[in-house]
Amino acid sequence: MPGGRPTDYTQEIADLICFRIGEGNSLRKVLREDQEGDHIFPCGQTIYSWFRIYPDFLEQYARAKEESGDADQDKLDEIAEKVLTGEYEPQQARVAADIIKWSASKKKPKKYGDRITTEHTGTVGIADMSEDQLNAAIEKFNRSNDQNDE
C-alpha cells in the first residue's frame, strides 16, 4: 500500500470532514487528529482546492460550519456545569465562554448574533406631492386606521 495522504475526492471523505466540523471542531483540529490517527484525510491545501473544484462540498462545509455554532452553545453548557461543580475557576470560564459566544455569533448570527435594530428618524415632506397624491395618501391612511379599529 503506498504511503502518504489521499488526494482523491470522495463524498464519504467530504461527509466525514463536515460531520466533524459540525460537531464544533475546526478544520485544523480535524486534520491534526487525523494526522495522529488513521490518515484518511488529505492535507488542508488539498481540501481548500476541493472547495474550488467541488462547489457542493464547499456548500456542505459552509453548512457544517454554521451548525457548529450549536456545538459552541453546548460547550457553554459544559463550562457552566464545571464552574458550578468547582472544576473551573469562574474568571477563567468567563473568558472561555466569551470566546465561544463570539464564535457562535459569527457562525450562526441569526440565532446567536447580536440583535440589531434600525431606527429611522426624520420627517416626510408633502411639499413635493401633487394634490391628487396627497389626497390618495390621506385616503390610504384613513383606510388603514379604519381596519385597525375593527
N, C-alpha and C. Protein backbone atom coordinates (compact mmCIF):
# COMPACT_ATOMS: atom_id res chain seq x y z
N MET A 1 0.85 -1.18 0.00
CA MET A 1 0.00 0.00 0.00
C MET A 1 0.89 1.23 0.00
N PRO A 2 0.68 2.17 -0.95
CA PRO A 2 1.52 3.36 -0.99
C PRO A 2 1.26 4.25 0.22
N GLY A 3 2.31 4.93 0.67
CA GLY A 3 2.20 5.82 1.83
C GLY A 3 1.68 7.18 1.44
N GLY A 4 1.47 8.02 2.42
CA GLY A 4 1.01 9.37 2.15
C GLY A 4 -0.48 9.52 2.33
N ARG A 5 -0.89 10.75 2.25
CA ARG A 5 -2.30 11.07 2.43
C ARG A 5 -3.04 10.95 1.10
N PRO A 6 -4.34 10.61 1.17
CA PRO A 6 -5.11 10.52 -0.08
C PRO A 6 -5.35 11.91 -0.68
N THR A 7 -5.49 11.96 -1.98
CA THR A 7 -5.77 13.24 -2.63
C THR A 7 -7.03 13.18 -3.50
N ASP A 8 -7.61 11.99 -3.64
CA ASP A 8 -8.81 11.84 -4.46
C ASP A 8 -10.04 12.21 -3.64
N TYR A 9 -10.89 13.03 -4.23
CA TYR A 9 -12.12 13.46 -3.57
C TYR A 9 -13.13 12.33 -3.59
N THR A 10 -13.74 12.07 -2.43
CA THR A 10 -14.88 11.16 -2.37
C THR A 10 -15.93 11.82 -1.48
N GLN A 11 -17.18 11.52 -1.74
CA GLN A 11 -18.26 12.08 -0.92
C GLN A 11 -18.16 11.56 0.51
N GLU A 12 -17.67 10.34 0.66
CA GLU A 12 -17.51 9.76 2.00
C GLU A 12 -16.54 10.60 2.85
N ILE A 13 -15.41 10.98 2.26
CA ILE A 13 -14.44 11.81 2.99
C ILE A 13 -15.04 13.19 3.26
N ALA A 14 -15.72 13.76 2.27
CA ALA A 14 -16.36 15.07 2.45
C ALA A 14 -17.38 15.01 3.58
N ASP A 15 -18.19 13.96 3.61
CA ASP A 15 -19.20 13.82 4.67
C ASP A 15 -18.56 13.72 6.04
N LEU A 16 -17.50 12.96 6.15
CA LEU A 16 -16.83 12.76 7.43
C LEU A 16 -16.19 14.07 7.92
N ILE A 17 -15.54 14.78 7.02
CA ILE A 17 -14.95 16.08 7.38
C ILE A 17 -16.04 17.01 7.87
N CYS A 18 -17.13 17.11 7.14
CA CYS A 18 -18.20 18.03 7.50
C CYS A 18 -18.90 17.60 8.79
N PHE A 19 -19.01 16.30 9.01
CA PHE A 19 -19.60 15.82 10.26
C PHE A 19 -18.77 16.29 11.45
N ARG A 20 -17.45 16.14 11.34
CA ARG A 20 -16.57 16.55 12.45
C ARG A 20 -16.57 18.06 12.62
N ILE A 21 -16.67 18.79 11.53
CA ILE A 21 -16.76 20.26 11.62
C ILE A 21 -18.07 20.64 12.33
N GLY A 22 -19.16 19.99 11.95
CA GLY A 22 -20.46 20.27 12.55
C GLY A 22 -20.50 19.98 14.04
N GLU A 23 -19.63 19.09 14.51
CA GLU A 23 -19.54 18.79 15.94
C GLU A 23 -18.83 19.89 16.72
N GLY A 24 -18.30 20.88 16.00
CA GLY A 24 -17.65 22.00 16.67
C GLY A 24 -16.14 22.01 16.55
N ASN A 25 -15.59 21.14 15.73
CA ASN A 25 -14.15 21.11 15.53
C ASN A 25 -13.75 22.03 14.40
N SER A 26 -12.57 22.59 14.49
CA SER A 26 -12.04 23.36 13.37
C SER A 26 -11.46 22.39 12.35
N LEU A 27 -11.31 22.85 11.12
CA LEU A 27 -10.70 22.01 10.09
C LEU A 27 -9.28 21.65 10.51
N ARG A 28 -8.57 22.61 11.07
CA ARG A 28 -7.20 22.35 11.52
C ARG A 28 -7.16 21.23 12.56
N LYS A 29 -8.11 21.26 13.50
CA LYS A 29 -8.15 20.22 14.55
C LYS A 29 -8.49 18.86 13.94
N VAL A 30 -9.44 18.83 13.03
CA VAL A 30 -9.82 17.56 12.38
C VAL A 30 -8.61 16.97 11.67
N LEU A 31 -7.87 17.80 10.95
CA LEU A 31 -6.71 17.30 10.21
C LEU A 31 -5.57 16.90 11.15
N ARG A 32 -5.38 17.64 12.23
CA ARG A 32 -4.34 17.30 13.20
C ARG A 32 -4.64 15.95 13.85
N GLU A 33 -5.90 15.75 14.26
CA GLU A 33 -6.27 14.47 14.87
C GLU A 33 -6.12 13.33 13.88
N ASP A 34 -6.43 13.59 12.61
CA ASP A 34 -6.28 12.57 11.58
C ASP A 34 -4.80 12.23 11.38
N GLN A 35 -3.96 13.24 11.46
CA GLN A 35 -2.52 13.02 11.27
C GLN A 35 -1.97 12.12 12.38
N GLU A 36 -2.56 12.24 13.56
CA GLU A 36 -2.14 11.40 14.68
C GLU A 36 -2.80 10.02 14.61
N GLY A 37 -3.83 9.88 13.77
CA GLY A 37 -4.60 8.64 13.74
C GLY A 37 -4.41 7.86 12.45
N ASP A 38 -5.52 7.76 11.69
CA ASP A 38 -5.55 6.81 10.57
C ASP A 38 -5.24 7.40 9.19
N HIS A 39 -4.99 8.67 9.08
CA HIS A 39 -4.58 9.31 7.83
C HIS A 39 -5.56 9.08 6.67
N ILE A 40 -6.83 9.29 6.92
CA ILE A 40 -7.79 9.11 5.84
C ILE A 40 -8.09 10.42 5.11
N PHE A 41 -7.67 11.56 5.69
CA PHE A 41 -7.94 12.86 5.08
C PHE A 41 -6.70 13.38 4.35
N PRO A 42 -6.94 14.15 3.30
CA PRO A 42 -5.82 14.81 2.64
C PRO A 42 -5.34 15.99 3.48
N CYS A 43 -4.30 16.65 3.02
CA CYS A 43 -3.81 17.83 3.73
C CYS A 43 -4.78 18.99 3.51
N GLY A 44 -4.63 20.02 4.32
CA GLY A 44 -5.52 21.18 4.23
C GLY A 44 -5.51 21.84 2.86
N GLN A 45 -4.35 21.92 2.25
CA GLN A 45 -4.25 22.56 0.93
C GLN A 45 -5.11 21.82 -0.09
N THR A 46 -5.14 20.51 -0.02
CA THR A 46 -5.96 19.72 -0.93
C THR A 46 -7.44 19.99 -0.67
N ILE A 47 -7.82 20.06 0.59
CA ILE A 47 -9.22 20.33 0.92
C ILE A 47 -9.63 21.70 0.40
N TYR A 48 -8.77 22.70 0.57
CA TYR A 48 -9.10 24.03 0.05
C TYR A 48 -9.21 24.03 -1.47
N SER A 49 -8.42 23.22 -2.14
CA SER A 49 -8.56 23.14 -3.60
C SER A 49 -9.87 22.45 -3.97
N TRP A 50 -10.31 21.49 -3.12
CA TRP A 50 -11.61 20.84 -3.36
C TRP A 50 -12.74 21.85 -3.28
N PHE A 51 -12.62 22.86 -2.43
CA PHE A 51 -13.67 23.88 -2.34
C PHE A 51 -13.87 24.55 -3.69
N ARG A 52 -12.78 24.77 -4.42
CA ARG A 52 -12.87 25.42 -5.73
C ARG A 52 -13.41 24.45 -6.79
N ILE A 53 -13.02 23.20 -6.67
CA ILE A 53 -13.38 22.20 -7.69
C ILE A 53 -14.80 21.66 -7.49
N TYR A 54 -15.20 21.51 -6.22
CA TYR A 54 -16.49 20.88 -5.90
C TYR A 54 -17.36 21.86 -5.11
N PRO A 55 -18.15 22.67 -5.80
CA PRO A 55 -18.98 23.68 -5.12
C PRO A 55 -19.97 23.06 -4.12
N ASP A 56 -20.42 21.84 -4.37
CA ASP A 56 -21.33 21.17 -3.42
C ASP A 56 -20.62 20.90 -2.10
N PHE A 57 -19.35 20.54 -2.17
CA PHE A 57 -18.56 20.30 -0.96
C PHE A 57 -18.38 21.61 -0.20
N LEU A 58 -18.11 22.69 -0.90
CA LEU A 58 -17.96 23.99 -0.25
C LEU A 58 -19.26 24.38 0.46
N GLU A 59 -20.39 24.14 -0.19
CA GLU A 59 -21.69 24.45 0.42
C GLU A 59 -21.94 23.55 1.64
N GLN A 60 -21.61 22.28 1.53
CA GLN A 60 -21.76 21.35 2.65
C GLN A 60 -20.88 21.78 3.82
N TYR A 61 -19.66 22.20 3.52
CA TYR A 61 -18.72 22.66 4.55
C TYR A 61 -19.25 23.92 5.23
N ALA A 62 -19.79 24.85 4.43
CA ALA A 62 -20.34 26.09 5.00
C ALA A 62 -21.51 25.80 5.93
N ARG A 63 -22.37 24.86 5.55
CA ARG A 63 -23.48 24.46 6.43
C ARG A 63 -22.96 23.84 7.72
N ALA A 64 -21.92 23.01 7.61
CA ALA A 64 -21.34 22.37 8.79
C ALA A 64 -20.73 23.42 9.73
N LYS A 65 -20.08 24.43 9.16
CA LYS A 65 -19.51 25.50 10.00
C LYS A 65 -20.62 26.23 10.73
N GLU A 66 -21.72 26.49 10.03
CA GLU A 66 -22.85 27.17 10.66
C GLU A 66 -23.44 26.31 11.77
N GLU A 67 -23.60 25.03 11.50
CA GLU A 67 -24.14 24.11 12.51
C GLU A 67 -23.23 24.02 13.73
N SER A 68 -21.95 24.25 13.54
CA SER A 68 -21.03 24.16 14.66
C SER A 68 -21.29 25.27 15.68
N GLY A 69 -22.06 26.28 15.30
CA GLY A 69 -22.49 27.30 16.27
C GLY A 69 -23.32 26.68 17.38
N ASP A 70 -24.14 25.69 17.04
CA ASP A 70 -24.92 24.97 18.06
C ASP A 70 -23.99 24.17 18.98
N ALA A 71 -22.94 23.60 18.40
CA ALA A 71 -21.97 22.86 19.23
C ALA A 71 -21.28 23.82 20.19
N ASP A 72 -21.02 25.05 19.74
CA ASP A 72 -20.43 26.06 20.63
C ASP A 72 -21.36 26.31 21.82
N GLN A 73 -22.63 26.39 21.56
CA GLN A 73 -23.58 26.60 22.65
C GLN A 73 -23.57 25.44 23.63
N ASP A 74 -23.40 24.22 23.12
CA ASP A 74 -23.28 23.05 24.00
C ASP A 74 -22.04 23.16 24.88
N LYS A 75 -20.95 23.69 24.32
CA LYS A 75 -19.74 23.88 25.11
C LYS A 75 -19.99 24.85 26.26
N LEU A 76 -20.81 25.85 26.02
CA LEU A 76 -21.12 26.82 27.08
C LEU A 76 -21.85 26.13 28.23
N ASP A 77 -22.75 25.22 27.90
CA ASP A 77 -23.44 24.46 28.95
C ASP A 77 -22.45 23.65 29.78
N GLU A 78 -21.49 23.03 29.11
CA GLU A 78 -20.49 22.24 29.81
C GLU A 78 -19.64 23.12 30.74
N ILE A 79 -19.26 24.29 30.24
CA ILE A 79 -18.47 25.20 31.06
C ILE A 79 -19.25 25.62 32.30
N ALA A 80 -20.52 25.96 32.10
CA ALA A 80 -21.35 26.38 33.24
C ALA A 80 -21.43 25.27 34.30
N GLU A 81 -21.63 24.05 33.85
CA GLU A 81 -21.70 22.93 34.80
C GLU A 81 -20.40 22.76 35.57
N LYS A 82 -19.28 22.91 34.88
CA LYS A 82 -17.99 22.71 35.53
C LYS A 82 -17.65 23.86 36.49
N VAL A 83 -18.16 25.04 36.20
CA VAL A 83 -17.99 26.15 37.14
C VAL A 83 -18.79 25.86 38.40
N LEU A 84 -20.00 25.37 38.23
CA LEU A 84 -20.86 25.08 39.38
C LEU A 84 -20.33 23.95 40.24
N THR A 85 -19.62 23.00 39.64
CA THR A 85 -19.06 21.90 40.43
C THR A 85 -17.67 22.24 40.98
N GLY A 86 -17.16 23.42 40.62
CA GLY A 86 -15.85 23.85 41.12
C GLY A 86 -14.68 23.36 40.31
N GLU A 87 -14.95 22.71 39.16
CA GLU A 87 -13.86 22.22 38.30
C GLU A 87 -13.12 23.35 37.61
N TYR A 88 -13.86 24.40 37.25
CA TYR A 88 -13.27 25.55 36.57
C TYR A 88 -13.36 26.77 37.47
N GLU A 89 -12.35 27.62 37.38
CA GLU A 89 -12.38 28.91 38.06
C GLU A 89 -13.34 29.82 37.29
N PRO A 90 -14.23 30.52 37.98
CA PRO A 90 -15.22 31.34 37.30
C PRO A 90 -14.62 32.38 36.34
N GLN A 91 -13.54 33.02 36.73
CA GLN A 91 -12.96 34.07 35.87
C GLN A 91 -12.40 33.47 34.58
N GLN A 92 -11.72 32.34 34.70
CA GLN A 92 -11.19 31.68 33.50
C GLN A 92 -12.33 31.16 32.62
N ALA A 93 -13.36 30.64 33.25
CA ALA A 93 -14.51 30.14 32.50
C ALA A 93 -15.21 31.28 31.76
N ARG A 94 -15.26 32.45 32.37
CA ARG A 94 -15.90 33.60 31.74
C ARG A 94 -15.16 33.99 30.46
N VAL A 95 -13.83 33.98 30.54
CA VAL A 95 -13.03 34.32 29.35
C VAL A 95 -13.29 33.30 28.24
N ALA A 96 -13.27 32.02 28.59
CA ALA A 96 -13.53 30.98 27.59
C ALA A 96 -14.94 31.11 27.03
N ALA A 97 -15.90 31.37 27.91
CA ALA A 97 -17.30 31.49 27.46
C ALA A 97 -17.46 32.68 26.51
N ASP A 98 -16.79 33.78 26.79
CA ASP A 98 -16.88 34.95 25.90
C ASP A 98 -16.36 34.62 24.51
N ILE A 99 -15.26 33.88 24.46
CA ILE A 99 -14.69 33.49 23.16
C ILE A 99 -15.65 32.57 22.41
N ILE A 100 -16.22 31.61 23.13
CA ILE A 100 -17.13 30.66 22.49
C ILE A 100 -18.41 31.36 22.03
N LYS A 101 -18.92 32.28 22.84
CA LYS A 101 -20.12 33.04 22.43
C LYS A 101 -19.83 33.86 21.18
N TRP A 102 -18.66 34.48 21.13
CA TRP A 102 -18.29 35.26 19.95
C TRP A 102 -18.25 34.35 18.73
N SER A 103 -17.64 33.18 18.89
CA SER A 103 -17.53 32.23 17.79
C SER A 103 -18.91 31.81 17.30
N ALA A 104 -19.81 31.47 18.21
CA ALA A 104 -21.17 31.06 17.84
C ALA A 104 -21.89 32.19 17.12
N SER A 105 -21.67 33.42 17.55
CA SER A 105 -22.35 34.56 16.93
C SER A 105 -21.89 34.79 15.50
N LYS A 106 -20.67 34.40 15.19
CA LYS A 106 -20.15 34.54 13.82
C LYS A 106 -20.58 33.38 12.95
N LYS A 107 -20.65 32.19 13.54
CA LYS A 107 -21.01 31.01 12.76
C LYS A 107 -22.51 30.96 12.47
N LYS A 108 -23.32 31.39 13.41
CA LYS A 108 -24.77 31.32 13.26
C LYS A 108 -25.37 32.63 13.76
N PRO A 109 -25.16 33.71 13.01
CA PRO A 109 -25.54 35.04 13.51
C PRO A 109 -27.04 35.24 13.72
N LYS A 110 -27.86 34.59 12.92
CA LYS A 110 -29.31 34.78 13.10
C LYS A 110 -29.78 34.25 14.44
N LYS A 111 -29.14 33.19 14.91
CA LYS A 111 -29.56 32.57 16.16
C LYS A 111 -28.79 33.10 17.37
N TYR A 112 -27.48 33.29 17.21
CA TYR A 112 -26.63 33.65 18.35
C TYR A 112 -26.00 35.04 18.25
N GLY A 113 -26.23 35.73 17.15
CA GLY A 113 -25.63 37.05 16.98
C GLY A 113 -26.37 38.12 17.75
N ASP A 114 -25.77 39.28 17.79
CA ASP A 114 -26.40 40.42 18.44
C ASP A 114 -27.63 40.85 17.64
N ARG A 115 -28.65 41.22 18.36
CA ARG A 115 -29.85 41.74 17.71
C ARG A 115 -29.57 43.18 17.29
N ILE A 116 -29.78 43.46 16.04
CA ILE A 116 -29.53 44.79 15.53
C ILE A 116 -30.86 45.37 15.07
N THR A 117 -31.18 46.52 15.59
CA THR A 117 -32.41 47.19 15.17
C THR A 117 -32.04 48.47 14.45
N THR A 118 -32.84 48.81 13.50
CA THR A 118 -32.62 50.03 12.75
C THR A 118 -33.75 50.98 13.06
N GLU A 119 -33.40 52.18 13.41
CA GLU A 119 -34.41 53.18 13.72
C GLU A 119 -34.25 54.32 12.74
N HIS A 120 -35.36 54.70 12.15
CA HIS A 120 -35.33 55.80 11.18
C HIS A 120 -36.01 57.01 11.81
N THR A 121 -35.34 58.10 11.79
CA THR A 121 -35.94 59.33 12.29
C THR A 121 -35.94 60.34 11.16
N GLY A 122 -36.86 61.24 11.24
CA GLY A 122 -36.94 62.27 10.21
C GLY A 122 -38.39 62.59 9.91
N THR A 123 -38.58 63.38 8.91
CA THR A 123 -39.92 63.78 8.52
C THR A 123 -40.15 63.41 7.07
N VAL A 124 -41.39 63.28 6.74
CA VAL A 124 -41.77 63.03 5.37
C VAL A 124 -42.39 64.31 4.85
N GLY A 125 -41.82 64.83 3.83
CA GLY A 125 -42.32 66.09 3.29
C GLY A 125 -43.45 65.86 2.31
N ILE A 126 -44.43 66.73 2.36
CA ILE A 126 -45.54 66.64 1.42
C ILE A 126 -45.49 67.77 0.41
N ALA A 127 -44.48 68.60 0.50
CA ALA A 127 -44.39 69.75 -0.39
C ALA A 127 -44.25 69.34 -1.86
N ASP A 128 -43.61 68.18 -2.09
CA ASP A 128 -43.37 67.74 -3.46
C ASP A 128 -44.52 66.91 -4.02
N MET A 129 -45.59 66.67 -3.22
CA MET A 129 -46.71 65.86 -3.68
C MET A 129 -47.73 66.73 -4.40
N SER A 130 -48.32 66.14 -5.43
CA SER A 130 -49.43 66.84 -6.08
C SER A 130 -50.66 66.72 -5.18
N GLU A 131 -51.68 67.48 -5.46
CA GLU A 131 -52.90 67.42 -4.65
C GLU A 131 -53.53 66.03 -4.73
N ASP A 132 -53.51 65.42 -5.91
CA ASP A 132 -54.07 64.08 -6.07
C ASP A 132 -53.27 63.04 -5.26
N GLN A 133 -51.95 63.14 -5.27
CA GLN A 133 -51.11 62.22 -4.50
C GLN A 133 -51.37 62.39 -3.00
N LEU A 134 -51.51 63.63 -2.57
CA LEU A 134 -51.75 63.91 -1.15
C LEU A 134 -53.10 63.34 -0.73
N ASN A 135 -54.13 63.54 -1.54
CA ASN A 135 -55.46 63.01 -1.22
C ASN A 135 -55.44 61.48 -1.19
N ALA A 136 -54.72 60.86 -2.12
CA ALA A 136 -54.62 59.40 -2.14
C ALA A 136 -53.91 58.89 -0.88
N ALA A 137 -52.87 59.56 -0.44
CA ALA A 137 -52.14 59.16 0.76
C ALA A 137 -53.03 59.30 1.99
N ILE A 138 -53.81 60.38 2.08
CA ILE A 138 -54.70 60.59 3.22
C ILE A 138 -55.78 59.50 3.23
N GLU A 139 -56.31 59.20 2.07
CA GLU A 139 -57.34 58.16 1.97
C GLU A 139 -56.79 56.79 2.38
N LYS A 140 -55.59 56.48 1.94
CA LYS A 140 -54.94 55.21 2.32
C LYS A 140 -54.72 55.16 3.83
N PHE A 141 -54.28 56.26 4.41
CA PHE A 141 -54.05 56.34 5.85
C PHE A 141 -55.36 56.11 6.61
N ASN A 142 -56.42 56.76 6.16
CA ASN A 142 -57.72 56.60 6.83
C ASN A 142 -58.24 55.17 6.72
N ARG A 143 -58.06 54.53 5.56
CA ARG A 143 -58.49 53.15 5.39
C ARG A 143 -57.75 52.22 6.33
N SER A 144 -56.43 52.40 6.47
CA SER A 144 -55.66 51.52 7.35
C SER A 144 -56.05 51.74 8.80
N ASN A 145 -56.37 52.94 9.19
CA ASN A 145 -56.82 53.19 10.57
C ASN A 145 -58.20 52.59 10.82
N ASP A 146 -59.08 52.65 9.80
CA ASP A 146 -60.41 52.05 9.94
C ASP A 146 -60.28 50.53 10.11
N GLN A 147 -59.36 49.89 9.40
CA GLN A 147 -59.17 48.45 9.52
C GLN A 147 -58.60 48.08 10.88
N ASN A 148 -57.73 48.91 11.41
CA ASN A 148 -57.14 48.64 12.72
C ASN A 148 -58.16 48.80 13.84
N ASP A 149 -59.18 49.64 13.64
CA ASP A 149 -60.21 49.86 14.66
C ASP A 149 -61.18 48.69 14.75
N GLU A 150 -61.29 47.89 13.69
CA GLU A 150 -62.25 46.79 13.66
C GLU A 150 -61.88 45.65 14.52
